[in-house]
C-alpha atoms as a PDB file:
ATOM      1  CA  MET A   1     -56.363 -38.469 -57.484  1.00  0.00           C
ATOM      2  CA  PRO A   2     -52.574 -37.429 -58.448  1.00  0.00           C
ATOM      3  CA  VAL A   3     -53.430 -33.666 -56.687  1.00  0.00           C
ATOM      4  CA  LEU A   4     -54.398 -35.195 -53.646  1.00  0.00           C
ATOM      5  CA  THR A   5     -51.491 -37.511 -53.580  1.00  0.00           C
ATOM      6  CA  LEU A   6     -49.716 -34.216 -54.564  1.00  0.00           C
ATOM      7  CA  CYS A   7     -50.897 -32.137 -51.450  1.00  0.00           C
ATOM      8  CA  LEU A   8     -50.133 -35.458 -48.524  1.00  0.00           C
ATOM      9  CA  THR A   9     -46.594 -35.414 -49.701  1.00  0.00           C
ATOM     10  CA  THR A  10     -46.355 -32.143 -50.134  1.00  0.00           C
ATOM     11  CA  VAL A  11     -47.610 -32.147 -46.317  1.00  0.00           C
ATOM     12  CA  GLY A  12     -45.697 -35.147 -45.590  1.00  0.00           C
ATOM     13  CA  SER A  13     -42.101 -33.933 -46.441  1.00  0.00           C
ATOM     14  CA  PHE A  14     -43.125 -30.263 -44.840  1.00  0.00           C
ATOM     15  CA  ALA A  15     -43.374 -32.168 -41.308  1.00  0.00           C
ATOM     16  CA  VAL A  16     -39.857 -34.311 -41.703  1.00  0.00           C
ATOM     17  CA  LEU A  17     -38.461 -31.366 -42.800  1.00  0.00           C
ATOM     18  CA  PHE A  18     -39.531 -29.949 -39.384  1.00  0.00           C
ATOM     19  CA  LEU A  19     -38.573 -32.702 -37.815  1.00  0.00           C
ATOM     20  CA  VAL A  20     -34.600 -33.230 -39.293  1.00  0.00           C
ATOM     21  CA  ALA A  21     -34.416 -28.950 -38.604  1.00  0.00           C
ATOM     22  CA  LYS A  22     -35.641 -29.398 -35.172  1.00  0.00           C
ATOM     23  CA  PHE A  23     -33.118 -32.561 -34.542  1.00  0.00           C
ATOM     24  CA  ILE A  24     -30.010 -30.836 -36.099  1.00  0.00           C
ATOM     25  CA  GLY A  25     -30.248 -27.842 -33.760  1.00  0.00           C
ATOM     26  CA  HIS A  26     -31.127 -23.964 -33.883  1.00  0.00           C
ATOM     27  CA  LYS A  27     -27.430 -23.190 -35.138  1.00  0.00           C
ATOM     28  CA  GLN A  28     -28.421 -24.191 -38.850  1.00  0.00           C
ATOM     29  CA  ILE A  29     -31.225 -21.472 -38.851  1.00  0.00           C
ATOM     30  CA  ALA A  30     -29.367 -18.433 -37.584  1.00  0.00           C
ATOM     31  CA  GLN A  31     -31.732 -15.292 -38.043  1.00  0.00           C
ATOM     32  CA  LEU A  32     -34.268 -17.632 -39.582  1.00  0.00           C
ATOM     33  CA  ASP A  33     -36.919 -19.410 -37.551  1.00  0.00           C
ATOM     34  CA  PHE A  34     -37.774 -22.753 -38.227  1.00  0.00           C
ATOM     35  CA  PHE A  35     -40.598 -22.162 -41.006  1.00  0.00           C
ATOM     36  CA  ASP A  36     -38.995 -19.300 -43.016  1.00  0.00           C
ATOM     37  CA  TYR A  37     -36.075 -22.385 -43.379  1.00  0.00           C
ATOM     38  CA  ILE A  38     -37.545 -25.238 -44.410  1.00  0.00           C
ATOM     39  CA  THR A  39     -39.923 -22.864 -46.715  1.00  0.00           C
ATOM     40  CA  GLY A  40     -36.687 -21.590 -47.772  1.00  0.00           C
ATOM     41  CA  ILE A  41     -34.321 -24.309 -48.999  1.00  0.00           C
ATOM     42  CA  THR A  42     -37.420 -26.603 -50.594  1.00  0.00           C
ATOM     43  CA  ILE A  43     -39.427 -23.878 -52.076  1.00  0.00           C
ATOM     44  CA  GLY A  44     -35.676 -23.125 -53.977  1.00  0.00           C
ATOM     45  CA  SER A  45     -35.518 -26.879 -54.859  1.00  0.00           C
ATOM     46  CA  ILE A  46     -38.928 -26.891 -55.839  1.00  0.00           C
ATOM     47  CA  ALA A  47     -38.706 -23.474 -58.186  1.00  0.00           C
ATOM     48  CA  ALA A  48     -35.287 -25.404 -59.658  1.00  0.00           C
ATOM     49  CA  GLU A  49     -37.351 -28.813 -60.939  1.00  0.00           C
ATOM     50  CA  MET A  50     -40.249 -26.299 -62.111  1.00  0.00           C
ATOM     51  CA  ALA A  51     -37.625 -24.414 -64.634  1.00  0.00           C
ATOM     52  CA  THR A  52     -37.192 -27.669 -66.185  1.00  0.00           C
ATOM     53  CA  GLU A  53     -40.176 -29.393 -65.642  1.00  0.00           C
ATOM     54  CA  LEU A  54     -42.355 -29.059 -69.315  1.00  0.00           C
ATOM     55  CA  GLU A  55     -44.524 -31.742 -68.940  1.00  0.00           C
ATOM     56  CA  ALA A  56     -46.417 -30.695 -65.877  1.00  0.00           C
ATOM     57  CA  PRO A  57     -44.925 -27.402 -65.042  1.00  0.00           C
ATOM     58  CA  TRP A  58     -48.252 -26.921 -62.449  1.00  0.00           C
ATOM     59  CA  LYS A  59     -47.164 -29.814 -59.795  1.00  0.00           C
ATOM     60  CA  PRO A  60     -44.445 -27.953 -58.672  1.00  0.00           C
ATOM     61  CA  LEU A  61     -46.235 -24.439 -58.860  1.00  0.00           C
ATOM     62  CA  LEU A  62     -48.835 -26.379 -56.490  1.00  0.00           C
ATOM     63  CA  ALA A  63     -46.435 -27.434 -54.030  1.00  0.00           C
ATOM     64  CA  MET A  64     -44.481 -24.153 -53.650  1.00  0.00           C
ATOM     65  CA  VAL A  65     -48.006 -22.376 -52.791  1.00  0.00           C
ATOM     66  CA  ILE A  66     -48.333 -25.294 -50.261  1.00  0.00           C
ATOM     67  CA  TYR A  67     -45.409 -24.975 -48.589  1.00  0.00           C
ATOM     68  CA  GLY A  68     -46.053 -21.004 -48.417  1.00  0.00           C
ATOM     69  CA  GLY A  69     -49.688 -22.057 -47.051  1.00  0.00           C
ATOM     70  CA  ILE A  70     -48.453 -23.992 -44.124  1.00  0.00           C
ATOM     71  CA  THR A  71     -45.805 -21.984 -42.933  1.00  0.00           C
ATOM     72  CA  LEU A  72     -48.167 -18.601 -43.148  1.00  0.00           C
ATOM     73  CA  SER A  73     -50.930 -21.300 -41.472  1.00  0.00           C
ATOM     74  CA  LEU A  74     -48.283 -21.673 -38.388  1.00  0.00           C
ATOM     75  CA  SER A  75     -47.154 -18.486 -38.321  1.00  0.00           C
ATOM     76  CA  LEU A  76     -50.404 -17.312 -37.494  1.00  0.00           C
ATOM     77  CA  VAL A  77     -51.043 -20.105 -34.837  1.00  0.00           C
ATOM     78  CA  SER A  78     -47.918 -19.182 -33.396  1.00  0.00           C
ATOM     79  CA  SER A  79     -49.166 -15.587 -33.691  1.00  0.00           C
ATOM     80  CA  HIS A  80     -52.853 -16.097 -31.935  1.00  0.00           C
ATOM     81  CA  PHE A  81     -52.115 -19.129 -29.550  1.00  0.00           C
ATOM     82  CA  PRO A  82     -47.920 -17.886 -27.599  1.00  0.00           C
ATOM     83  CA  ARG A  83     -47.798 -21.328 -25.564  1.00  0.00           C
ATOM     84  CA  THR A  84     -47.479 -22.885 -29.156  1.00  0.00           C
ATOM     85  CA  ARG A  85     -44.495 -21.055 -30.173  1.00  0.00           C
ATOM     86  CA  LYS A  86     -42.640 -23.394 -27.373  1.00  0.00           C
ATOM     87  CA  TYR A  87     -43.257 -26.572 -29.911  1.00  0.00           C
ATOM     88  CA  LEU A  88     -42.974 -24.338 -32.576  1.00  0.00           C
ATOM     89  CA  ASN A  89     -40.228 -22.475 -32.115  1.00  0.00           C
ATOM     90  CA  GLY A  90     -38.545 -23.695 -29.491  1.00  0.00           C
ATOM     91  CA  THR A  91     -37.145 -22.054 -26.058  1.00  0.00           C
ATOM     92  CA  PRO A  92     -34.089 -20.117 -25.089  1.00  0.00           C
ATOM     93  CA  THR A  93     -31.775 -22.402 -23.188  1.00  0.00           C
ATOM     94  CA  ILE A  94     -29.306 -21.178 -20.629  1.00  0.00           C
ATOM     95  CA  LEU A  95     -25.650 -22.494 -21.516  1.00  0.00           C
ATOM     96  CA  LEU A  96     -23.626 -20.739 -18.932  1.00  0.00           C
ATOM     97  CA  ASP A  97     -25.026 -18.664 -15.708  1.00  0.00           C
ATOM     98  CA  HIS A  98     -22.864 -17.539 -12.163  1.00  0.00           C
ATOM     99  CA  GLY A  99     -19.636 -19.504 -13.610  1.00  0.00           C
ATOM    100  CA  LYS A 100     -21.396 -22.619 -14.268  1.00  0.00           C
ATOM    101  CA  LEU A 101     -21.516 -23.973 -17.023  1.00  0.00           C
ATOM    102  CA  TYR A 102     -24.910 -26.428 -18.273  1.00  0.00           C
ATOM    103  CA  TYR A 103     -23.037 -28.833 -20.355  1.00  0.00           C
ATOM    104  CA  GLU A 104     -26.753 -30.629 -20.731  1.00  0.00           C
ATOM    105  CA  ASN A 105     -28.281 -27.466 -22.354  1.00  0.00           C
ATOM    106  CA  MET A 106     -25.168 -27.478 -24.907  1.00  0.00           C
ATOM    107  CA  LYS A 107     -25.974 -31.329 -25.736  1.00  0.00           C
ATOM    108  CA  LYS A 108     -29.872 -30.547 -26.711  1.00  0.00           C
ATOM    109  CA  ALA A 109     -29.011 -27.082 -28.375  1.00  0.00           C
ATOM    110  CA  ARG A 110     -26.546 -29.785 -30.678  1.00  0.00           C
ATOM    111  CA  LEU A 111     -22.905 -27.140 -29.348  1.00  0.00           C
ATOM    112  CA  ASP A 112     -20.294 -28.028 -27.958  1.00  0.00           C
ATOM    113  CA  LEU A 113     -17.702 -26.199 -25.855  1.00  0.00           C
ATOM    114  CA  SER A 114     -15.488 -24.938 -28.799  1.00  0.00           C
ATOM    115  CA  GLU A 115     -18.799 -23.733 -30.397  1.00  0.00           C
ATOM    116  CA  PHE A 116     -19.733 -22.072 -27.570  1.00  0.00           C
ATOM    117  CA  LEU A 117     -16.364 -19.756 -26.822  1.00  0.00           C
ATOM    118  CA  VAL A 118     -16.612 -19.113 -30.741  1.00  0.00           C
ATOM    119  CA  MET A 119     -19.838 -17.565 -30.565  1.00  0.00           C
ATOM    120  CA  CYS A 120     -18.807 -15.813 -27.208  1.00  0.00           C
ATOM    121  CA  ARG A 121     -15.222 -14.871 -28.728  1.00  0.00           C
ATOM    122  CA  GLN A 122     -17.646 -13.138 -31.735  1.00  0.00           C
ATOM    123  CA  GLN A 123     -19.055 -10.753 -29.121  1.00  0.00           C
ATOM    124  CA  GLY A 124     -16.268  -9.654 -27.548  1.00  0.00           C
ATOM    125  CA  TYR A 125     -15.803 -11.953 -24.700  1.00  0.00           C
ATOM    126  CA  PHE A 126     -12.201 -14.100 -24.381  1.00  0.00           C
ATOM    127  CA  ASP A 127     -12.882 -14.878 -20.977  1.00  0.00           C
ATOM    128  CA  LEU A 128     -15.371 -16.503 -19.468  1.00  0.00           C
ATOM    129  CA  THR A 129     -15.057 -15.106 -15.886  1.00  0.00           C
ATOM    130  CA  THR A 130     -16.359 -12.094 -17.438  1.00  0.00           C
ATOM    131  CA  ILE A 131     -20.093 -13.613 -18.257  1.00  0.00           C
ATOM    132  CA  GLN A 132     -22.624 -13.853 -15.892  1.00  0.00           C
ATOM    133  CA  THR A 133     -25.342 -15.213 -18.104  1.00  0.00           C
ATOM    134  CA  ALA A 134     -25.075 -16.214 -21.540  1.00  0.00           C
ATOM    135  CA  ILE A 135     -28.208 -17.396 -23.578  1.00  0.00           C
ATOM    136  CA  TYR A 136     -28.856 -19.342 -26.455  1.00  0.00           C
ATOM    137  CA  GLU A 137     -31.978 -17.996 -28.255  1.00  0.00           C
ATOM    138  CA  TYR A 138     -34.990 -20.055 -30.459  1.00  0.00           C
ATOM    139  CA  ASN A 139     -32.925 -18.340 -33.471  1.00  0.00           C
ATOM    140  CA  GLY A 140     -29.820 -19.944 -33.106  1.00  0.00           C
ATOM    141  CA  LYS A 141     -27.853 -16.591 -31.624  1.00  0.00           C
ATOM    142  CA  LEU A 142     -26.414 -15.807 -28.321  1.00  0.00           C
ATOM    143  CA  THR A 143     -27.323 -13.200 -25.857  1.00  0.00           C
ATOM    144  CA  ILE A 144     -24.714 -12.088 -23.084  1.00  0.00           C
ATOM    145  CA  LEU A 145     -25.159 -10.534 -20.128  1.00  0.00           C
ATOM    146  CA  PRO A 146     -21.549  -9.819 -18.848  1.00  0.00           C
ATOM    147  CA  VAL A 147     -21.024  -9.490 -15.141  1.00  0.00           C
ATOM    148  CA  THR A 148     -21.992  -6.128 -13.086  1.00  0.00           C
ATOM    149  CA  ALA A 149     -17.797  -4.923 -13.805  1.00  0.00           C
ATOM    150  CA  GLN A 150     -17.914  -5.297 -17.213  1.00  0.00           C
ATOM    151  CA  ARG A 151     -21.125  -3.863 -17.832  1.00  0.00           C
ATOM    152  CA  PRO A 152     -21.013  -0.310 -19.598  1.00  0.00           C
ATOM    153  CA  VAL A 153     -21.069   2.314 -16.833  1.00  0.00           C
ATOM    154  CA  THR A 154     -24.433   4.321 -16.293  1.00  0.00           C
ATOM    155  CA  PRO A 155     -25.639   7.765 -15.532  1.00  0.00           C
ATOM    156  CA  LYS A 156     -26.763   6.332 -11.700  1.00  0.00           C
ATOM    157  CA  ASP A 157     -22.786   4.535 -11.079  1.00  0.00           C
ATOM    158  CA  MET A 158     -21.965   8.622 -11.536  1.00  0.00           C
ATOM    159  CA  ALA A 159     -24.298   9.298  -9.317  1.00  0.00           C
ATOM    160  CA  LEU A 160     -25.925  11.280 -12.032  1.00  0.00           C
ATOM    161  CA  THR A 161     -29.674  12.402 -12.050  1.00  0.00           C
ATOM    162  CA  PRO A 162     -30.272  13.558 -16.416  1.00  0.00           C
ATOM    163  CA  PRO A 163     -33.464  14.604 -16.960  1.00  0.00           C
ATOM    164  CA  GLN A 164     -36.056  11.714 -17.776  1.00  0.00           C
ATOM    165  CA  GLU A 165     -36.540  11.574 -21.632  1.00  0.00           C
ATOM    166  CA  LEU A 166     -40.263  11.998 -22.727  1.00  0.00           C
ATOM    167  CA  ILE A 167     -41.574   8.053 -23.786  1.00  0.00           C
ATOM    168  CA  PHE A 168     -43.833   7.764 -26.997  1.00  0.00           C
ATOM    169  CA  THR A 169     -46.905   5.734 -26.097  1.00  0.00           C
ATOM    170  CA  GLU A 170     -48.276   3.531 -29.406  1.00  0.00           C
ATOM    171  CA  LEU A 171     -51.738   4.936 -29.964  1.00  0.00           C
ATOM    172  CA  ILE A 172     -52.250   3.216 -33.748  1.00  0.00           C
ATOM    173  CA  MET A 173     -50.494   0.080 -34.642  1.00  0.00           C
ATOM    174  CA  ASP A 174     -50.609  -1.192 -38.131  1.00  0.00           C
ATOM    175  CA  GLY A 175     -53.929   0.398 -38.957  1.00  0.00           C
ATOM    176  CA  ARG A 176     -55.235  -0.874 -35.479  1.00  0.00           C
ATOM    177  CA  ILE A 177     -56.424   1.917 -32.692  1.00  0.00           C
ATOM    178  CA  LEU A 178     -54.930   1.092 -29.124  1.00  0.00           C
ATOM    179  CA  GLU A 179     -58.017   1.407 -26.991  1.00  0.00           C
ATOM    180  CA  ASP A 180     -56.036   0.059 -23.762  1.00  0.00           C
ATOM    181  CA  ASN A 181     -52.959   2.900 -24.677  1.00  0.00           C
ATOM    182  CA  LEU A 182     -55.443   5.560 -25.406  1.00  0.00           C
ATOM    183  CA  LYS A 183     -57.501   5.082 -21.638  1.00  0.00           C
ATOM    184  CA  ARG A 184     -53.685   4.472 -20.102  1.00  0.00           C
ATOM    185  CA  MET A 185     -52.767   8.364 -21.696  1.00  0.00           C
ATOM    186  CA  GLY A 186     -55.966   9.632 -20.308  1.00  0.00           C
ATOM    187  CA  LEU A 187     -56.680  10.165 -23.968  1.00  0.00           C
ATOM    188  CA  GLU A 188     -60.448   9.963 -25.784  1.00  0.00           C
ATOM    189  CA  ARG A 189     -60.832   8.775 -29.126  1.00  0.00           C
ATOM    190  CA  THR A 190     -62.183  12.202 -30.529  1.00  0.00           C
ATOM    191  CA  TRP A 191     -58.912  13.614 -29.545  1.00  0.00           C
ATOM    192  CA  LEU A 192     -57.127  10.853 -31.735  1.00  0.00           C
ATOM    193  CA  ASP A 193     -59.646  11.604 -34.364  1.00  0.00           C
ATOM    194  CA  ILE A 194     -58.608  15.410 -34.302  1.00  0.00           C
ATOM    195  CA  GLN A 195     -55.304  14.541 -34.393  1.00  0.00           C
ATOM    196  CA  LEU A 196     -55.820  12.003 -37.493  1.00  0.00           C
ATOM    197  CA  LYS A 197     -57.731  15.163 -39.501  1.00  0.00           C
ATOM    198  CA  GLN A 198     -55.159  18.023 -39.143  1.00  0.00           C
ATOM    199  CA  GLN A 199     -53.153  15.382 -40.799  1.00  0.00           C
ATOM    200  CA  HIS A 200     -55.973  14.973 -43.257  1.00  0.00           C
ATOM    201  CA  ILE A 201     -56.126  11.365 -42.562  1.00  0.00           C
ATOM    202  CA  SER A 202     -60.219  10.425 -42.860  1.00  0.00           C
ATOM    203  CA  SER A 203     -59.226   6.815 -41.311  1.00  0.00           C
ATOM    204  CA  ALA A 204     -56.903   4.585 -38.653  1.00  0.00           C
ATOM    205  CA  LYS A 205     -56.252   1.924 -40.938  1.00  0.00           C
ATOM    206  CA  GLU A 206     -54.130   4.520 -43.291  1.00  0.00           C
ATOM    207  CA  VAL A 207     -51.920   4.476 -40.399  1.00  0.00           C
ATOM    208  CA  PHE A 208     -48.826   2.494 -39.821  1.00  0.00           C
ATOM    209  CA  LEU A 209     -47.983   4.014 -36.328  1.00  0.00           C
ATOM    210  CA  ALA A 210     -48.988   6.676 -34.498  1.00  0.00           C
ATOM    211  CA  ALA A 211     -47.689   7.650 -30.706  1.00  0.00           C
ATOM    212  CA  CYS A 212     -47.758  10.523 -28.411  1.00  0.00           C
ATOM    213  CA  ASP A 213     -45.997  11.541 -25.148  1.00  0.00           C
ATOM    214  CA  ARG A 214     -46.900  12.496 -22.221  1.00  0.00           C
ATOM    215  CA  ASN A 215     -46.600  16.263 -23.379  1.00  0.00           C
ATOM    216  CA  LEU A 216     -49.617  15.270 -25.652  1.00  0.00           C
ATOM    217  CA  LYS A 217     -47.023  15.448 -28.857  1.00  0.00           C
ATOM    218  CA  PHE A 218     -48.315  13.623 -31.652  1.00  0.00           C
ATOM    219  CA  VAL A 219     -46.350  11.932 -34.191  1.00  0.00           C
ATOM    220  CA  LEU A 220     -47.739   9.784 -36.623  1.00  0.00           C
ATOM    221  CA  TYR A 221     -45.944   7.225 -40.428  1.00  0.00           C
ATOM    222  CA  LYS A 222     -48.969   6.808 -42.674  1.00  0.00           C
ATOM    223  CA  LYS A 223     -48.937   3.523 -44.889  1.00  0.00           C
END
């Protein structure tokens, strides 16, 4: 029973922390997602308790394992079911678009106008008229699209036509062969096997990343 009670209270505390973090808003977590934020602050607190717990140190240890397991499970869920990311991580919020400030969206993002202006200035935009669109991302960062007159000059703007750079297409990603990319490049599996053998690699599982361009230039990174 004590173990079951510990498990239930740990899961319950995770749920409460998640709801509190969602209520506070994205600005509290910066580049972390909600699960990293919750797990980080909680495991740190539990670890400190574990260092002073002499009678039953296994209790905070088990709690840390449960927190880590929940975080990993939710990460796998959001990876395999993209639609759940809207509810787990949140969605980007438009704060300014074509000269219009969306105050309701700022309230939802737990931002006031002063904080928004600070974030704009941190990216070098002191005048809101130079911003076409400002989006508050779910990781707490502000993405800004400047107006056309403020964007960097491109070769097209200068009526230049530089030669197109060759783009590499991934064929193996973290040990997994991307069959669709092979077909799109018009390549056979045997060609890839030959390339791997030339690099003294017996299996794609040994490869972190492999790619080739339209001229069949092959690059590979081992694990």
